[in-house]
Amino acid sequence: MAPLIRPLLEKVPPLRFVAVRLLRLKQSGQLHRCGMNFLLPSGDFGVTLEAESTGEYEPVTTKLLESLLEEGMTFVDIGAHVGLFTLPAAKWVGKTGRVIAFEPHPGNFAMLNNNIESNTLGEHVDAIQSAVSDCTTPVSLHISGFNTGDHQLFHTGGRNAIEVQCTTLDTYFSAGEKVDVIKMDVQGAEAAAFRGMKRVLQDNGAIRIIWELSPAQLVDAGSNAEALLNWLEALAFTFTIVDDATGEVVGATAQEVLYACPVDSYVNILCVRND
């Protein structure tokens, strides 16, 4: 019921105040996942609610990511939150691999670092407190008061905002530097982030990207889903729908992706080049 509740919490502050405090009393803020222990933010109607209600978090996407990563690979987690994908990826790429995690929100970033250290992965993960977009200047991050995974660079409502550092992958990585897999969940800023990594995508022909498509959030950010999918197709990417709700992982055309993901919904997409 969380997707039905969240719009009410966004628009009705008194309801949000009560709901968050009640949830803080109920949530333990802990999760054991992929052989690792995680601290999670309490009073959270996003990641923590799903994780504590089901005992897992996006299991289909997790299994897919594990199948993509191999010893020695470079993995980039954009919008890493508290590390639910960052930390397992460090195990899967091994000591010869590399994991870079970007998270702009101070509270999430602190918990990400705590989870890295408590699982003794400090030598294997580079955690960067930064947003990823198509610019390298400070940007406004609009803060959700009830969903720590829904802070947004682009938001049309009345949220409070903080200033955070921003970078692009084309700035962070040198020309020709190897990147094997990217996981991205940036709440509507995907088009801007993709523009800022165009050279990285061109430099790495076999790169794989798992990203969350949310058509409504893309519109808020001044883009749209069809234009973004067409942009990716022009770079020779094909699409696979990764549906954690149904368990389906199925190839799709751009039009089939749009049909499967109506404006107010969201779904993870895997992008690969068939050659």
Protein backbone atom coordinates (compact mmCIF):
# COMPACT_ATOMS: atom_id res chain seq x y z
CA MET A 1 0.00 0.00 0.00
CA ALA A 2 3.03 2.29 0.26
CA PRO A 3 2.70 3.72 -3.29
CA LEU A 4 -0.88 4.77 -2.42
CA ILE A 5 0.13 6.29 0.91
CA ARG A 6 3.16 8.28 -0.26
CA PRO A 7 1.25 10.95 -2.25
CA LEU A 8 -0.85 11.69 0.84
CA LEU A 9 2.27 12.01 3.00
CA GLU A 10 3.78 14.38 0.44
CA LYS A 11 0.76 16.68 0.43
CA VAL A 12 -0.55 16.52 4.03
CA PRO A 13 2.13 17.57 6.57
CA PRO A 14 0.14 16.68 9.74
CA LEU A 15 -0.47 13.16 8.42
CA ARG A 16 3.21 12.86 7.49
CA PHE A 17 4.28 13.98 10.97
CA VAL A 18 2.17 11.32 12.69
CA ALA A 19 2.94 8.54 10.20
CA VAL A 20 6.71 9.01 10.34
CA ARG A 21 6.80 8.99 14.13
CA LEU A 22 4.63 5.89 14.36
CA LEU A 23 6.84 4.12 11.85
CA ARG A 24 9.97 5.07 13.81
CA LEU A 25 8.54 3.21 16.80
CA LYS A 26 7.95 0.09 14.71
CA GLN A 27 11.03 -0.10 12.49
CA SER A 28 14.21 -1.68 13.83
CA GLY A 29 16.40 -0.08 11.16
CA GLN A 30 18.36 -3.30 10.55
CA LEU A 31 18.60 -5.75 7.67
CA HIS A 32 20.69 -8.85 6.99
CA ARG A 33 21.21 -9.14 3.25
CA CYS A 34 23.68 -10.96 0.98
CA GLY A 35 25.58 -12.13 4.04
CA MET A 36 26.01 -8.58 5.36
CA ASN A 37 24.42 -6.48 8.08
CA PHE A 38 22.96 -3.08 7.26
CA LEU A 39 21.68 -0.17 9.30
CA LEU A 40 18.65 1.49 7.71
CA PRO A 41 16.98 4.83 8.44
CA SER A 42 13.90 4.49 10.65
CA GLY A 43 10.63 6.31 10.02
CA ASP A 44 11.12 5.57 6.33
CA PHE A 45 8.27 4.79 3.93
CA GLY A 46 10.65 3.74 1.16
CA VAL A 47 13.62 1.39 1.37
CA THR A 48 13.24 0.54 5.07
CA LEU A 49 9.52 -0.17 4.79
CA GLU A 50 10.07 -2.57 1.88
CA ALA A 51 13.09 -4.23 3.48
CA GLU A 52 11.51 -4.80 6.90
CA SER A 53 8.15 -5.84 5.43
CA THR A 54 9.63 -8.43 3.07
CA GLY A 55 13.00 -9.26 4.59
CA GLU A 56 14.67 -8.30 1.31
CA TYR A 57 15.12 -5.42 -1.10
CA GLU A 58 14.63 -5.71 -4.88
CA PRO A 59 15.62 -9.40 -4.96
CA VAL A 60 15.26 -9.80 -8.73
CA THR A 61 17.50 -6.81 -9.43
CA THR A 62 19.96 -8.07 -6.80
CA LYS A 63 20.21 -11.50 -8.40
CA LEU A 64 20.62 -9.92 -11.85
CA LEU A 65 23.39 -7.64 -10.62
CA GLU A 66 25.20 -10.59 -9.05
CA SER A 67 25.04 -12.42 -12.38
CA LEU A 68 26.57 -9.43 -14.20
CA LEU A 69 29.49 -8.80 -11.85
CA GLU A 70 32.71 -10.80 -11.95
CA GLU A 71 36.08 -10.70 -10.22
CA GLY A 72 38.08 -7.64 -11.25
CA MET A 73 35.20 -5.59 -12.65
CA THR A 74 34.48 -1.91 -11.97
CA PHE A 75 31.02 -1.20 -10.59
CA VAL A 76 29.46 2.25 -10.14
CA ASP A 77 26.48 2.79 -7.83
CA ILE A 78 24.78 6.14 -8.51
CA GLY A 79 22.32 7.09 -5.80
CA ALA A 80 23.82 4.49 -3.47
CA HIS A 81 21.59 5.40 -0.48
CA VAL A 82 22.96 3.31 2.43
CA GLY A 83 24.76 0.72 0.31
CA LEU A 84 22.29 -2.12 -0.25
CA PHE A 85 23.82 -2.71 -3.69
CA THR A 86 27.23 -1.13 -3.08
CA LEU A 87 28.35 -3.58 -0.41
CA PRO A 88 27.30 -6.86 -2.08
CA ALA A 89 28.90 -5.61 -5.30
CA ALA A 90 32.21 -5.19 -3.45
CA LYS A 91 32.04 -8.88 -2.55
CA TRP A 92 31.15 -9.91 -6.10
CA VAL A 93 33.95 -7.97 -7.85
CA GLY A 94 36.47 -9.20 -5.28
CA LYS A 95 39.76 -7.74 -4.14
CA THR A 96 40.89 -7.02 -7.70
CA GLY A 97 37.67 -5.19 -8.53
CA ARG A 98 36.60 -1.64 -7.87
CA VAL A 99 33.36 -0.15 -6.48
CA ILE A 100 32.54 3.56 -6.59
CA ALA A 101 29.40 4.72 -4.77
CA PHE A 102 27.88 8.20 -5.19
CA GLU A 103 25.39 9.48 -2.59
CA PRO A 104 24.70 13.21 -2.05
CA HIS A 105 22.47 13.27 1.04
CA PRO A 106 24.50 13.79 4.27
CA GLY A 107 22.43 11.39 6.40
CA ASN A 108 22.38 8.63 3.79
CA PHE A 109 26.09 9.13 3.13
CA ALA A 110 26.93 8.81 6.83
CA MET A 111 24.95 5.57 7.06
CA LEU A 112 26.57 4.31 3.84
CA ASN A 113 30.01 4.84 5.37
CA ASN A 114 28.88 3.19 8.61
CA ASN A 115 27.70 0.12 6.70
CA ILE A 116 30.93 -0.02 4.70
CA GLU A 117 33.06 0.10 7.85
CA SER A 118 30.92 -2.29 9.91
CA ASN A 119 31.22 -4.88 7.13
CA THR A 120 35.01 -4.24 6.85
CA LEU A 121 34.84 -3.11 3.22
CA GLY A 122 36.58 0.25 3.64
CA GLU A 123 39.51 -0.79 1.43
CA HIS A 124 37.25 -1.97 -1.39
CA VAL A 125 34.70 0.86 -1.81
CA ASP A 126 35.23 4.49 -2.78
CA ALA A 127 32.27 6.42 -1.33
CA ILE A 128 31.78 9.87 -2.88
CA GLN A 129 29.42 12.41 -1.29
CA SER A 130 28.10 13.86 -4.53
CA ALA A 131 25.14 13.85 -6.85
CA VAL A 132 25.69 12.69 -10.43
CA SER A 133 24.20 14.71 -13.26
CA ASP A 134 25.39 16.68 -16.30
CA CYS A 135 27.15 19.48 -14.38
CA THR A 136 29.97 19.88 -11.87
CA THR A 137 28.60 22.84 -9.91
CA PRO A 138 26.72 22.65 -6.59
CA VAL A 139 23.03 21.80 -7.01
CA SER A 140 19.89 21.80 -4.87
CA LEU A 141 18.75 18.48 -3.45
CA HIS A 142 15.04 18.55 -2.54
CA ILE A 143 14.53 16.52 0.62
CA SER A 144 11.69 14.06 1.22
CA GLY A 145 10.46 14.11 4.80
CA PHE A 146 9.32 10.48 4.80
CA ASN A 147 11.28 8.55 2.14
CA THR A 148 15.07 8.68 2.40
CA GLY A 149 15.37 7.13 -1.06
CA ASP A 150 13.32 9.90 -2.71
CA HIS A 151 15.49 13.00 -2.33
CA GLN A 152 15.45 14.65 -5.76
CA LEU A 153 17.53 17.08 -7.80
CA PHE A 154 14.38 18.04 -9.71
CA HIS A 155 11.15 18.55 -7.81
CA THR A 156 8.12 20.75 -8.49
CA GLY A 157 6.57 20.65 -5.00
CA GLY A 158 7.28 22.58 -1.81
CA ARG A 159 10.10 20.55 -0.31
CA ASN A 160 13.00 22.01 1.62
CA ALA A 161 16.30 21.85 -0.25
CA ILE A 162 19.98 21.66 0.65
CA GLU A 163 22.99 22.41 -1.51
CA VAL A 164 25.11 19.40 -2.50
CA GLN A 165 28.12 18.86 -4.69
CA CYS A 166 27.54 17.43 -8.17
CA THR A 167 29.75 15.71 -10.71
CA THR A 168 29.52 13.81 -13.98
CA LEU A 169 30.91 10.37 -14.72
CA ASP A 170 32.77 11.86 -17.69
CA THR A 171 34.53 14.16 -15.20
CA TYR A 172 35.17 11.49 -12.58
CA PHE A 173 36.59 8.88 -14.98
CA SER A 174 39.51 9.51 -17.30
CA ALA A 175 39.10 8.97 -21.03
CA GLY A 176 39.31 5.26 -21.81
CA GLU A 177 38.98 4.18 -18.17
CA LYS A 178 37.16 0.87 -17.73
CA VAL A 179 33.63 0.79 -16.31
CA ASP A 180 31.78 -2.52 -16.50
CA VAL A 181 28.43 -2.11 -14.70
CA ILE A 182 26.43 0.90 -13.50
CA LYS A 183 23.44 0.80 -11.14
CA MET A 184 21.53 4.10 -11.09
CA ASP A 185 18.52 5.26 -9.07
CA VAL A 186 18.37 9.07 -9.02
CA GLN A 187 14.66 9.89 -8.85
CA GLY A 188 14.09 11.59 -12.20
CA ALA A 189 17.63 12.86 -12.84
CA GLU A 190 18.46 9.88 -15.05
CA ALA A 191 18.43 11.81 -18.35
CA ALA A 192 20.85 14.41 -17.00
CA ALA A 193 23.09 11.73 -15.49
CA PHE A 194 23.17 9.83 -18.79
CA ARG A 195 24.14 13.00 -20.67
CA GLY A 196 26.99 13.46 -18.22
CA MET A 197 28.36 9.96 -18.88
CA LYS A 198 28.11 9.86 -22.67
CA ARG A 199 31.87 9.51 -23.17
CA VAL A 200 32.05 6.74 -20.56
CA LEU A 201 29.29 4.88 -22.39
CA GLN A 202 31.10 5.30 -25.71
CA ASP A 203 34.45 4.24 -24.23
CA ASN A 204 33.00 1.00 -22.81
CA GLY A 205 31.26 -1.01 -25.50
CA ALA A 206 30.31 -3.89 -23.20
CA ILE A 207 29.01 -1.74 -20.35
CA ARG A 208 25.76 -2.79 -18.64
CA ILE A 209 23.45 -0.34 -16.87
CA ILE A 210 20.59 -1.06 -14.48
CA TRP A 211 18.52 2.06 -13.90
CA GLU A 212 15.11 3.00 -12.56
CA LEU A 213 12.65 4.43 -15.07
CA SER A 214 10.02 6.75 -13.60
CA PRO A 215 8.24 8.63 -16.40
CA ALA A 216 6.53 11.14 -14.11
CA GLN A 217 9.81 12.07 -12.40
CA LEU A 218 11.54 12.48 -15.75
CA VAL A 219 8.83 14.95 -16.78
CA ASP A 220 9.39 16.91 -13.54
CA ALA A 221 13.06 17.09 -14.51
CA GLY A 222 12.26 18.52 -17.94
CA SER A 223 12.75 15.30 -19.90
CA ASN A 224 10.53 12.38 -20.88
CA ALA A 225 10.83 8.63 -21.02
CA GLU A 226 10.45 8.25 -24.78
CA ALA A 227 13.20 10.78 -25.52
CA LEU A 228 15.58 9.09 -23.06
CA LEU A 229 14.95 5.61 -24.45
CA ASN A 230 15.51 6.93 -27.99
CA TRP A 231 18.77 8.56 -26.84
CA LEU A 232 19.96 5.24 -25.45
CA GLU A 233 18.91 3.39 -28.61
CA ALA A 234 21.04 5.82 -30.63
CA LEU A 235 24.00 4.61 -28.57
CA ALA A 236 23.12 1.00 -29.58
CA PHE A 237 21.58 -0.06 -26.27
CA THR A 238 18.74 -2.56 -26.01
CA PHE A 239 16.33 -2.90 -23.10
CA THR A 240 15.29 -5.55 -20.62
CA ILE A 241 12.52 -4.92 -18.09
CA VAL A 242 13.47 -6.04 -14.58
CA ASP A 243 10.26 -6.21 -12.56
CA ASP A 244 10.82 -6.87 -8.86
CA ALA A 245 7.05 -6.95 -8.29
CA THR A 246 6.32 -9.81 -10.70
CA GLY A 247 9.79 -11.38 -10.89
CA GLU A 248 9.88 -11.02 -14.68
CA VAL A 249 13.09 -10.22 -16.58
CA VAL A 250 12.11 -9.80 -20.23
CA GLY A 251 13.55 -8.06 -23.27
CA ALA A 252 11.49 -5.23 -24.70
CA THR A 253 11.47 -2.56 -27.36
CA ALA A 254 11.32 1.10 -26.36
CA GLN A 255 7.57 1.15 -27.05
CA GLU A 256 7.04 -1.99 -24.99
CA VAL A 257 8.95 -0.41 -22.10
CA LEU A 258 6.70 2.66 -22.29
CA TYR A 259 3.59 0.48 -22.33
CA ALA A 260 4.79 -1.59 -19.37
CA CYS A 261 5.69 1.50 -17.33
CA PRO A 262 2.81 4.03 -17.28
CA VAL A 263 3.46 7.63 -16.26
CA ASP A 264 2.92 7.24 -12.51
CA SER A 265 4.75 3.92 -12.14
CA TYR A 266 8.40 2.87 -12.15
CA VAL A 267 10.45 -0.15 -13.14
CA ASN A 268 14.12 -1.12 -13.39
CA ILE A 269 15.63 -1.37 -16.86
CA LEU A 270 18.76 -3.22 -17.92
CA CYS A 271 20.59 -1.68 -20.89
CA VAL A 272 23.12 -3.72 -22.86
CA ARG A 273 24.64 -3.69 -26.32
CA ASN A 274 23.89 -6.97 -28.07
CA ASP A 275 27.27 -7.12 -29.78
